[in-house]
């Protein structure tokens, strides 16, 4: 599964969000993923130069429905990281297939319990997880974990893929510049790659520079197929 993490790279523009969904689909990604949050609750204003940007990229329910419907229309799965009960209810009303737990939420047991109650499959990034044992979700069996280094961008030397058992960890949430980390993870058995996605790495915003553009995403999808064939 190749997840195009659009995240906040729509920069608050629904038209740009739709362009990103379309480009992700045309590049061969299986999922277009967003982030749904209440910016004032989730992000601190103090020492945060991106606070106003965070406010501008907060999606309403109507905007979320518009993007969900557009994904269905063109044939790519809509997925989102969700950070509060209200937005879980949004996605339950829309009928999403599964949920993503972001690294910053991996220790939020209240949120996780609410997601478990949906009985939907979960994908969870482990960027903020510090224990040597994996998180436990006793009430749900369908949980897939992603190795992740929560730096933007993450240096290649920080990813340490040789220490990751991809028989246990399902994949990689890749914050590195370029495709090397994703391709290395695939060659070691990763089944899911999540990669930030943009139309232009020079756009304003914190994630554009470490995102894949459409040509890189196409290359990732093609090389993923070729690597699996060679394996």
C-alpha atoms as a PDB file:
ATOM      1  CA  UNK A   1       0.000   0.000   0.000  1.00  0.00           C
ATOM      2  CA  UNK A   2       1.374   3.392  -1.013  1.00  0.00           C
ATOM      3  CA  UNK A   3      -0.162   6.219   1.030  1.00  0.00           C
ATOM      4  CA  UNK A   4       0.216   9.737  -0.362  1.00  0.00           C
ATOM      5  CA  UNK A   5       0.274  11.839   2.819  1.00  0.00           C
ATOM      6  CA  UNK A   6      -1.229  15.124   1.642  1.00  0.00           C
ATOM      7  CA  UNK A   7      -1.573  16.164   5.271  1.00  0.00           C
ATOM      8  CA  UNK A   8      -1.517  19.964   5.401  1.00  0.00           C
ATOM      9  CA  UNK A   9       0.126  20.373   1.984  1.00  0.00           C
ATOM     10  CA  UNK A  10      -3.171  21.651   0.559  1.00  0.00           C
ATOM     11  CA  UNK A  11      -2.261  24.923   2.337  1.00  0.00           C
ATOM     12  CA  UNK A  12      -5.922  25.565   3.131  1.00  0.00           C
ATOM     13  CA  UNK A  13      -7.083  25.417  -0.503  1.00  0.00           C
ATOM     14  CA  UNK A  14      -9.735  22.841  -1.410  1.00  0.00           C
ATOM     15  CA  UNK A  15      -8.881  23.253  -5.087  1.00  0.00           C
ATOM     16  CA  UNK A  16      -5.240  22.438  -4.334  1.00  0.00           C
ATOM     17  CA  UNK A  17      -6.369  19.506  -2.170  1.00  0.00           C
ATOM     18  CA  UNK A  18      -8.336  18.124  -5.114  1.00  0.00           C
ATOM     19  CA  UNK A  19      -5.352  18.617  -7.427  1.00  0.00           C
ATOM     20  CA  UNK A  20      -3.215  16.669  -4.946  1.00  0.00           C
ATOM     21  CA  UNK A  21      -5.777  13.845  -4.757  1.00  0.00           C
ATOM     22  CA  UNK A  22      -5.928  13.642  -8.538  1.00  0.00           C
ATOM     23  CA  UNK A  23      -2.128  13.700  -8.878  1.00  0.00           C
ATOM     24  CA  UNK A  24      -1.749  11.018  -6.193  1.00  0.00           C
ATOM     25  CA  UNK A  25      -4.241   8.809  -8.029  1.00  0.00           C
ATOM     26  CA  UNK A  26      -2.582   9.383 -11.403  1.00  0.00           C
ATOM     27  CA  UNK A  27       0.827   8.603  -9.852  1.00  0.00           C
ATOM     28  CA  UNK A  28      -0.443   5.218  -8.681  1.00  0.00           C
ATOM     29  CA  UNK A  29      -0.926   5.771  -4.939  1.00  0.00           C
ATOM     30  CA  UNK A  30      -3.586   3.648  -3.262  1.00  0.00           C
ATOM     31  CA  UNK A  31      -4.558   6.167  -0.570  1.00  0.00           C
ATOM     32  CA  UNK A  32      -4.830   9.958  -0.287  1.00  0.00           C
ATOM     33  CA  UNK A  33      -4.415  10.903   3.353  1.00  0.00           C
ATOM     34  CA  UNK A  34      -5.258  14.106   5.237  1.00  0.00           C
ATOM     35  CA  UNK A  35      -5.043  15.398   8.818  1.00  0.00           C
ATOM     36  CA  UNK A  36      -8.186  16.450  10.686  1.00  0.00           C
ATOM     37  CA  UNK A  37      -7.683  18.590  13.768  1.00  0.00           C
ATOM     38  CA  UNK A  38      -8.829  21.503  15.874  1.00  0.00           C
ATOM     39  CA  UNK A  39      -5.738  23.677  15.440  1.00  0.00           C
ATOM     40  CA  UNK A  40      -6.173  25.678  18.642  1.00  0.00           C
ATOM     41  CA  UNK A  41      -6.485  22.496  20.723  1.00  0.00           C
ATOM     42  CA  UNK A  42      -3.750  20.527  18.993  1.00  0.00           C
ATOM     43  CA  UNK A  43      -1.033  23.104  18.374  1.00  0.00           C
ATOM     44  CA  UNK A  44       0.629  25.512  20.761  1.00  0.00           C
ATOM     45  CA  UNK A  45       0.989  29.134  19.721  1.00  0.00           C
ATOM     46  CA  UNK A  46       4.091  29.547  21.889  1.00  0.00           C
ATOM     47  CA  UNK A  47       7.388  29.031  20.032  1.00  0.00           C
ATOM     48  CA  UNK A  48       5.448  27.776  17.007  1.00  0.00           C
ATOM     49  CA  UNK A  49       6.214  29.778  13.852  1.00  0.00           C
ATOM     50  CA  UNK A  50       3.678  27.663  11.952  1.00  0.00           C
ATOM     51  CA  UNK A  51       0.675  28.341  14.220  1.00  0.00           C
ATOM     52  CA  UNK A  52      -1.114  30.628  11.749  1.00  0.00           C
ATOM     53  CA  UNK A  53      -0.409  28.102   8.996  1.00  0.00           C
ATOM     54  CA  UNK A  54      -1.917  25.366  11.186  1.00  0.00           C
ATOM     55  CA  UNK A  55      -5.041  27.496  11.621  1.00  0.00           C
ATOM     56  CA  UNK A  56      -5.306  28.024   7.865  1.00  0.00           C
ATOM     57  CA  UNK A  57      -5.077  24.291   7.100  1.00  0.00           C
ATOM     58  CA  UNK A  58      -7.803  23.179   9.527  1.00  0.00           C
ATOM     59  CA  UNK A  59     -10.558  21.446   7.522  1.00  0.00           C
ATOM     60  CA  UNK A  60     -14.275  21.752   8.275  1.00  0.00           C
ATOM     61  CA  UNK A  61     -16.690  18.835   8.067  1.00  0.00           C
ATOM     62  CA  UNK A  62     -18.111  20.127   4.781  1.00  0.00           C
ATOM     63  CA  UNK A  63     -14.621  20.391   3.297  1.00  0.00           C
ATOM     64  CA  UNK A  64     -13.777  16.905   4.547  1.00  0.00           C
ATOM     65  CA  UNK A  65     -16.936  15.496   2.965  1.00  0.00           C
ATOM     66  CA  UNK A  66     -16.089  17.233  -0.289  1.00  0.00           C
ATOM     67  CA  UNK A  67     -12.630  15.616  -0.339  1.00  0.00           C
ATOM     68  CA  UNK A  68     -13.996  12.219   0.720  1.00  0.00           C
ATOM     69  CA  UNK A  69     -16.565  12.335  -2.088  1.00  0.00           C
ATOM     70  CA  UNK A  70     -13.922  13.417  -4.601  1.00  0.00           C
ATOM     71  CA  UNK A  71     -11.685  10.490  -3.633  1.00  0.00           C
ATOM     72  CA  UNK A  72     -14.602   8.106  -4.165  1.00  0.00           C
ATOM     73  CA  UNK A  73     -15.394   9.755  -7.486  1.00  0.00           C
ATOM     74  CA  UNK A  74     -11.925   9.232  -8.959  1.00  0.00           C
ATOM     75  CA  UNK A  75     -11.206   5.891  -7.275  1.00  0.00           C
ATOM     76  CA  UNK A  76      -8.654   6.408  -4.511  1.00  0.00           C
ATOM     77  CA  UNK A  77      -9.174   5.655  -0.814  1.00  0.00           C
ATOM     78  CA  UNK A  78      -9.623   8.629   1.523  1.00  0.00           C
ATOM     79  CA  UNK A  79      -7.839   8.286   4.849  1.00  0.00           C
ATOM     80  CA  UNK A  80      -7.117  10.697   7.679  1.00  0.00           C
ATOM     81  CA  UNK A  81      -5.204  11.066  10.890  1.00  0.00           C
ATOM     82  CA  UNK A  82      -7.797  12.253  13.372  1.00  0.00           C
ATOM     83  CA  UNK A  83      -7.093  13.921  16.706  1.00  0.00           C
ATOM     84  CA  UNK A  84     -10.382  14.225  18.599  1.00  0.00           C
ATOM     85  CA  UNK A  85     -13.798  12.621  19.106  1.00  0.00           C
ATOM     86  CA  UNK A  86     -15.677  15.162  17.004  1.00  0.00           C
ATOM     87  CA  UNK A  87     -13.620  14.334  13.932  1.00  0.00           C
ATOM     88  CA  UNK A  88     -13.898  10.596  14.541  1.00  0.00           C
ATOM     89  CA  UNK A  89     -17.668  11.141  14.390  1.00  0.00           C
ATOM     90  CA  UNK A  90     -17.232  13.040  11.108  1.00  0.00           C
ATOM     91  CA  UNK A  91     -15.419  10.097   9.549  1.00  0.00           C
ATOM     92  CA  UNK A  92     -17.857   7.553  10.937  1.00  0.00           C
ATOM     93  CA  UNK A  93     -20.672   9.534   9.307  1.00  0.00           C
ATOM     94  CA  UNK A  94     -18.765   9.506   6.014  1.00  0.00           C
ATOM     95  CA  UNK A  95     -17.979   5.781   6.266  1.00  0.00           C
ATOM     96  CA  UNK A  96     -14.192   5.652   6.047  1.00  0.00           C
ATOM     97  CA  UNK A  97     -12.587   2.241   5.642  1.00  0.00           C
ATOM     98  CA  UNK A  98      -9.915   2.690   8.346  1.00  0.00           C
ATOM     99  CA  UNK A  99      -8.088   5.222  10.512  1.00  0.00           C
ATOM    100  CA  UNK A 100      -4.525   6.467  10.889  1.00  0.00           C
ATOM    101  CA  UNK A 101      -3.042   7.173  14.320  1.00  0.00           C
ATOM    102  CA  UNK A 102      -0.332   9.813  14.000  1.00  0.00           C
ATOM    103  CA  UNK A 103       2.929   9.535  15.916  1.00  0.00           C
ATOM    104  CA  UNK A 104       1.940  12.409  18.191  1.00  0.00           C
ATOM    105  CA  UNK A 105      -1.218  10.470  19.182  1.00  0.00           C
ATOM    106  CA  UNK A 106       0.373   7.082  19.860  1.00  0.00           C
ATOM    107  CA  UNK A 107       0.326   7.750  23.620  1.00  0.00           C
ATOM    108  CA  UNK A 108      -3.165   9.299  23.646  1.00  0.00           C
ATOM    109  CA  UNK A 109      -5.038   6.382  25.181  1.00  0.00           C
ATOM    110  CA  UNK A 110      -8.369   8.223  25.280  1.00  0.00           C
ATOM    111  CA  UNK A 111      -8.247   8.876  21.532  1.00  0.00           C
ATOM    112  CA  UNK A 112      -7.053   5.342  20.810  1.00  0.00           C
ATOM    113  CA  UNK A 113      -9.889   3.835  22.875  1.00  0.00           C
ATOM    114  CA  UNK A 114     -12.369   5.909  20.876  1.00  0.00           C
ATOM    115  CA  UNK A 115     -10.850   4.687  17.610  1.00  0.00           C
ATOM    116  CA  UNK A 116     -10.920   1.081  18.813  1.00  0.00           C
ATOM    117  CA  UNK A 117     -14.668   1.425  19.438  1.00  0.00           C
ATOM    118  CA  UNK A 118     -15.226   2.094  15.733  1.00  0.00           C
ATOM    119  CA  UNK A 119     -14.132  -1.519  15.004  1.00  0.00           C
ATOM    120  CA  UNK A 120     -12.267  -0.212  11.954  1.00  0.00           C
ATOM    121  CA  UNK A 121      -8.699  -1.246  11.019  1.00  0.00           C
ATOM    122  CA  UNK A 122      -5.994   1.041  12.384  1.00  0.00           C
ATOM    123  CA  UNK A 123      -2.591   2.083  11.043  1.00  0.00           C
ATOM    124  CA  UNK A 124      -0.366   3.615  13.720  1.00  0.00           C
ATOM    125  CA  UNK A 125       2.936   5.464  13.375  1.00  0.00           C
ATOM    126  CA  UNK A 126       5.502   4.872  16.109  1.00  0.00           C
ATOM    127  CA  UNK A 127       7.507   8.108  15.937  1.00  0.00           C
ATOM    128  CA  UNK A 128       6.769   9.071  19.565  1.00  0.00           C
ATOM    129  CA  UNK A 129       6.686   5.533  20.943  1.00  0.00           C
ATOM    130  CA  UNK A 130       9.627   4.880  23.288  1.00  0.00           C
ATOM    131  CA  UNK A 131       8.940   1.405  24.682  1.00  0.00           C
ATOM    132  CA  UNK A 132      10.732  -1.633  23.279  1.00  0.00           C
ATOM    133  CA  UNK A 133       7.400  -3.471  23.109  1.00  0.00           C
ATOM    134  CA  UNK A 134       4.664  -2.419  20.699  1.00  0.00           C
ATOM    135  CA  UNK A 135       1.483  -0.650  21.838  1.00  0.00           C
ATOM    136  CA  UNK A 136      -1.327  -3.034  22.742  1.00  0.00           C
ATOM    137  CA  UNK A 137      -4.841  -2.739  21.350  1.00  0.00           C
ATOM    138  CA  UNK A 138      -6.502  -5.703  23.083  1.00  0.00           C
ATOM    139  CA  UNK A 139      -9.995  -5.022  21.751  1.00  0.00           C
ATOM    140  CA  UNK A 140      -8.995  -4.964  18.088  1.00  0.00           C
ATOM    141  CA  UNK A 141      -6.890  -7.320  16.000  1.00  0.00           C
ATOM    142  CA  UNK A 142      -6.418  -5.341  12.808  1.00  0.00           C
ATOM    143  CA  UNK A 143      -3.644  -2.900  13.755  1.00  0.00           C
ATOM    144  CA  UNK A 144      -0.642  -2.236  11.537  1.00  0.00           C
ATOM    145  CA  UNK A 145       2.366  -0.297  12.804  1.00  0.00           C
ATOM    146  CA  UNK A 146       4.670   1.978  10.834  1.00  0.00           C
ATOM    147  CA  UNK A 147       8.282   2.673  11.719  1.00  0.00           C
ATOM    148  CA  UNK A 148       8.727   6.442  11.853  1.00  0.00           C
ATOM    149  CA  UNK A 149      11.285   9.076  12.811  1.00  0.00           C
ATOM    150  CA  UNK A 150       9.431  12.251  13.769  1.00  0.00           C
ATOM    151  CA  UNK A 151      11.797  14.766  12.223  1.00  0.00           C
ATOM    152  CA  UNK A 152      10.983  16.965   9.213  1.00  0.00           C
ATOM    153  CA  UNK A 153      13.012  16.130   7.263  1.00  0.00           C
ATOM    154  CA  UNK A 154      14.475  13.022   8.930  1.00  0.00           C
ATOM    155  CA  UNK A 155      18.150  12.344   8.121  1.00  0.00           C
ATOM    156  CA  UNK A 156      18.676   9.015   6.376  1.00  0.00           C
ATOM    157  CA  UNK A 157      21.091   8.023   9.150  1.00  0.00           C
ATOM    158  CA  UNK A 158      18.276   8.348  11.716  1.00  0.00           C
ATOM    159  CA  UNK A 159      15.964   5.756  10.158  1.00  0.00           C
ATOM    160  CA  UNK A 160      18.056   2.675  11.067  1.00  0.00           C
ATOM    161  CA  UNK A 161      16.034   0.247   8.973  1.00  0.00           C
ATOM    162  CA  UNK A 162      18.397  -2.651   9.653  1.00  0.00           C
ATOM    163  CA  UNK A 163      16.964  -2.751  13.179  1.00  0.00           C
ATOM    164  CA  UNK A 164      13.332  -2.955  11.997  1.00  0.00           C
ATOM    165  CA  UNK A 165      11.640  -6.347  11.750  1.00  0.00           C
ATOM    166  CA  UNK A 166       9.146  -5.934   8.918  1.00  0.00           C
ATOM    167  CA  UNK A 167       7.559  -9.247   9.842  1.00  0.00           C
ATOM    168  CA  UNK A 168       6.240  -7.378  12.900  1.00  0.00           C
ATOM    169  CA  UNK A 169       6.219  -3.755  11.702  1.00  0.00           C
ATOM    170  CA  UNK A 170       4.047  -3.368   8.603  1.00  0.00           C
ATOM    171  CA  UNK A 171       5.810  -0.458   6.977  1.00  0.00           C
ATOM    172  CA  UNK A 172       7.459   2.953   7.049  1.00  0.00           C
ATOM    173  CA  UNK A 173       6.143   6.470   7.463  1.00  0.00           C
ATOM    174  CA  UNK A 174       8.940   8.170   5.534  1.00  0.00           C
ATOM    175  CA  UNK A 175       9.940  11.753   6.381  1.00  0.00           C
ATOM    176  CA  UNK A 176      13.292  11.613   4.580  1.00  0.00           C
ATOM    177  CA  UNK A 177      14.113  13.613   1.470  1.00  0.00           C
ATOM    178  CA  UNK A 178      14.062  11.400  -1.617  1.00  0.00           C
ATOM    179  CA  UNK A 179      13.030   7.769  -2.044  1.00  0.00           C
ATOM    180  CA  UNK A 180      16.012   5.872  -0.607  1.00  0.00           C
ATOM    181  CA  UNK A 181      14.448   5.088   2.781  1.00  0.00           C
ATOM    182  CA  UNK A 182      11.144   3.948   1.258  1.00  0.00           C
ATOM    183  CA  UNK A 183      12.866   1.710  -1.285  1.00  0.00           C
ATOM    184  CA  UNK A 184      15.153   0.242   1.376  1.00  0.00           C
ATOM    185  CA  UNK A 185      12.110  -0.513   3.546  1.00  0.00           C
ATOM    186  CA  UNK A 186      10.294  -2.201   0.648  1.00  0.00           C
ATOM    187  CA  UNK A 187      13.360  -4.333  -0.081  1.00  0.00           C
ATOM    188  CA  UNK A 188      13.365  -5.436   3.564  1.00  0.00           C
ATOM    189  CA  UNK A 189       9.697  -6.447   3.481  1.00  0.00           C
ATOM    190  CA  UNK A 190       7.658  -3.325   4.263  1.00  0.00           C
ATOM    191  CA  UNK A 191       4.058  -3.703   3.122  1.00  0.00           C
ATOM    192  CA  UNK A 192       2.980  -0.080   3.628  1.00  0.00           C
ATOM    193  CA  UNK A 193       4.802   3.102   2.653  1.00  0.00           C
ATOM    194  CA  UNK A 194       3.446   6.467   3.743  1.00  0.00           C
ATOM    195  CA  UNK A 195       5.151   9.390   2.017  1.00  0.00           C
ATOM    196  CA  UNK A 196       4.345  13.098   2.230  1.00  0.00           C
ATOM    197  CA  UNK A 197       3.132  14.380  -1.128  1.00  0.00           C
ATOM    198  CA  UNK A 198       3.204  17.793  -2.812  1.00  0.00           C
ATOM    199  CA  UNK A 199       2.854  19.296  -6.261  1.00  0.00           C
ATOM    200  CA  UNK A 200       5.802  21.632  -5.675  1.00  0.00           C
ATOM    201  CA  UNK A 201       8.502  21.277  -3.029  1.00  0.00           C
ATOM    202  CA  UNK A 202       9.025  25.053  -3.045  1.00  0.00           C
ATOM    203  CA  UNK A 203       5.502  25.808  -1.828  1.00  0.00           C
ATOM    204  CA  UNK A 204       5.061  27.556   1.504  1.00  0.00           C
ATOM    205  CA  UNK A 205       4.574  25.141   4.408  1.00  0.00           C
ATOM    206  CA  UNK A 206       6.639  22.947   6.759  1.00  0.00           C
ATOM    207  CA  UNK A 207       6.236  19.618   4.916  1.00  0.00           C
ATOM    208  CA  UNK A 208       6.648  20.470   1.239  1.00  0.00           C
ATOM    209  CA  UNK A 209      10.447  20.257   1.135  1.00  0.00           C
ATOM    210  CA  UNK A 210      10.570  16.656   2.403  1.00  0.00           C
ATOM    211  CA  UNK A 211       7.596  15.505   0.319  1.00  0.00           C
ATOM    212  CA  UNK A 212       7.595  13.509  -2.894  1.00  0.00           C
ATOM    213  CA  UNK A 213       6.372  15.284  -6.008  1.00  0.00           C
ATOM    214  CA  UNK A 214       4.268  13.477  -8.658  1.00  0.00           C
ATOM    215  CA  UNK A 215       7.282  12.245 -10.634  1.00  0.00           C
ATOM    216  CA  UNK A 216       8.893  10.824  -7.478  1.00  0.00           C
ATOM    217  CA  UNK A 217       5.646   9.179  -6.411  1.00  0.00           C
ATOM    218  CA  UNK A 218       5.304   7.570  -9.846  1.00  0.00           C
ATOM    219  CA  UNK A 219       8.882   6.317  -9.525  1.00  0.00           C
ATOM    220  CA  UNK A 220       8.179   4.943  -6.047  1.00  0.00           C
ATOM    221  CA  UNK A 221       5.108   3.049  -7.272  1.00  0.00           C
ATOM    222  CA  UNK A 222       6.987   1.630 -10.269  1.00  0.00           C
ATOM    223  CA  UNK A 223      10.069   0.632  -8.278  1.00  0.00           C
ATOM    224  CA  UNK A 224       7.893  -0.913  -5.550  1.00  0.00           C
ATOM    225  CA  UNK A 225       6.451  -3.246  -8.195  1.00  0.00           C
ATOM    226  CA  UNK A 226       9.862  -4.059  -9.629  1.00  0.00           C
ATOM    227  CA  UNK A 227      11.419  -4.689  -6.198  1.00  0.00           C
ATOM    228  CA  UNK A 228       8.639  -7.113  -5.269  1.00  0.00           C
ATOM    229  CA  UNK A 229       9.036  -8.898  -8.594  1.00  0.00           C
ATOM    230  CA  UNK A 230      12.769  -9.256  -8.020  1.00  0.00           C
ATOM    231  CA  UNK A 231      12.229 -10.540  -4.478  1.00  0.00           C
END
